[in-house]
Amino acid sequence: KSFGDTPVNELLMQCKMLITDYSSVSWDVLYQNKPTLFYQLIWTNTMKHMQHIDMKTDSFGDRAETLDQLLDSLEKTIQNGFRHGTKNMNKCSRNISGLKITNTADISAKKSKNG
């Protein structure tokens, strides 16, 4: 297969974890209860205001600003069997609950609207 042949949703279902800067696909991976490592090499005030959460304090995955930090987090994630680290579990649970509530509310609203 060539790059781009596999749809992103299939790749996300097949992956064990995700490394991203702040992509929205991290929410899809979170919903599947898979770990995400946020590699934010360049962090600007503009990016800070684009976020729905404070990535420095509330991200649901380890956050790295250097390659060494990323490699350390990656090694810990592998050693932990590609499961969320203890410090991120509460954040993950809180965010997953929020996603389920939002999705349920959206579905209910659409059903009511479409009658």
Protein backbone atom coordinates (compact mmCIF):
# COMPACT_ATOMS: atom_id res chain seq x y z
CA LYS A 1 0.00 0.00 0.00
CA SER A 2 1.05 3.55 -0.63
CA PHE A 3 0.79 6.47 1.77
CA GLY A 4 -2.81 7.61 1.90
CA ASP A 5 -4.32 4.28 0.79
CA THR A 6 -5.66 3.44 4.25
CA PRO A 7 -8.39 5.72 5.65
CA VAL A 8 -7.42 7.59 8.81
CA ASN A 9 -10.22 6.01 10.86
CA GLU A 10 -8.85 2.54 10.07
CA LEU A 11 -5.33 3.60 11.04
CA LEU A 12 -6.64 4.97 14.34
CA MET A 13 -8.42 1.70 15.07
CA GLN A 14 -5.27 -0.29 14.29
CA CYS A 15 -2.80 1.86 16.24
CA LYS A 16 -1.67 1.13 19.80
CA MET A 17 -1.01 4.81 20.56
CA LEU A 18 -0.80 8.22 18.89
CA ILE A 19 1.95 10.82 18.76
CA THR A 20 0.63 14.23 17.69
CA ASP A 21 1.09 17.93 18.30
CA TYR A 22 -2.54 18.77 19.10
CA SER A 23 -4.59 17.14 16.37
CA SER A 24 -8.28 16.50 16.89
CA VAL A 25 -7.71 12.82 16.10
CA SER A 26 -6.31 12.58 19.64
CA TRP A 27 -9.94 12.62 20.82
CA ASP A 28 -10.71 9.60 18.62
CA VAL A 29 -7.78 7.74 20.14
CA LEU A 30 -8.82 8.81 23.65
CA TYR A 31 -12.32 7.48 23.01
CA GLN A 32 -10.72 4.11 22.16
CA ASN A 33 -8.85 4.28 25.49
CA LYS A 34 -5.44 4.37 23.79
CA PRO A 35 -2.60 6.63 24.96
CA THR A 36 -1.59 9.83 23.19
CA LEU A 37 1.77 11.54 23.43
CA PHE A 38 1.66 15.23 22.63
CA TYR A 39 4.89 16.39 20.99
CA GLN A 40 4.67 20.15 21.02
CA LEU A 41 8.07 21.21 19.80
CA ILE A 42 6.90 24.70 18.95
CA TRP A 43 4.57 26.22 21.52
CA THR A 44 3.35 29.74 20.85
CA ASN A 45 0.76 31.98 22.43
CA THR A 46 -1.34 31.53 19.30
CA MET A 47 -1.44 27.77 19.81
CA LYS A 48 -2.27 28.25 23.48
CA HIS A 49 -5.45 30.13 22.55
CA MET A 50 -6.46 27.54 19.92
CA GLN A 51 -6.82 24.80 22.51
CA HIS A 52 -10.03 23.70 24.21
CA ILE A 53 -7.96 22.58 27.18
CA ASP A 54 -4.75 23.85 28.74
CA MET A 55 -2.27 21.45 27.17
CA LYS A 56 0.40 22.24 29.75
CA THR A 57 -1.74 21.19 32.72
CA ASP A 58 -4.82 19.29 31.52
CA SER A 59 -3.77 17.19 28.53
CA PHE A 60 -4.89 13.58 28.73
CA GLY A 61 -1.51 12.28 27.59
CA ASP A 62 2.12 12.94 28.30
CA ARG A 63 3.36 16.19 26.78
CA ALA A 64 6.86 16.71 25.41
CA GLU A 65 8.58 19.83 24.12
CA THR A 66 11.91 18.13 23.32
CA LEU A 67 12.87 14.96 21.51
CA ASP A 68 14.40 13.56 24.70
CA GLN A 69 11.14 14.11 26.60
CA LEU A 70 9.21 12.44 23.78
CA LEU A 71 11.51 9.42 23.73
CA ASP A 72 11.27 9.09 27.53
CA SER A 73 7.46 9.19 27.36
CA LEU A 74 7.44 6.73 24.46
CA GLU A 75 9.64 4.30 26.40
CA LYS A 76 7.38 4.55 29.47
CA THR A 77 4.29 3.96 27.33
CA ILE A 78 5.82 0.88 25.72
CA GLN A 79 6.94 -0.49 29.09
CA ASN A 80 3.42 0.10 30.41
CA GLY A 81 1.94 -2.10 27.67
CA PHE A 82 0.54 0.86 25.70
CA ARG A 83 -1.81 1.79 28.54
CA HIS A 84 -2.35 5.22 30.01
CA GLY A 85 0.05 6.17 32.77
CA THR A 86 -1.39 6.54 36.26
CA LYS A 87 -1.19 10.34 36.27
CA ASN A 88 -3.27 10.55 33.09
CA MET A 89 -6.02 8.08 34.04
CA ASN A 90 -8.25 10.61 35.84
CA LYS A 91 -7.89 13.10 33.00
CA CYS A 92 -8.73 10.36 30.48
CA SER A 93 -11.79 9.21 32.42
CA ARG A 94 -13.03 12.77 32.82
CA ASN A 95 -12.58 13.52 29.11
CA ILE A 96 -14.11 10.22 27.95
CA SER A 97 -17.15 10.85 30.18
CA GLY A 98 -17.45 14.32 28.68
CA LEU A 99 -17.27 12.90 25.16
CA LYS A 100 -19.99 10.35 25.90
CA ILE A 101 -22.26 12.98 27.46
CA THR A 102 -21.72 15.32 24.52
CA ASN A 103 -22.33 12.55 21.97
CA THR A 104 -25.49 11.41 23.77
CA ALA A 105 -26.78 14.98 23.94
CA ASP A 106 -26.02 15.51 20.24
CA ILE A 107 -27.83 12.31 19.26
CA SER A 108 -30.84 13.18 21.44
CA ALA A 109 -31.01 16.69 19.97
CA LYS A 110 -30.88 15.33 16.41
CA LYS A 111 -33.60 12.76 17.14
CA SER A 112 -35.83 15.46 18.64
CA LYS A 113 -35.20 17.79 15.71
CA ASN A 114 -35.87 15.10 13.11
CA GLY A 115 -38.86 13.84 15.04
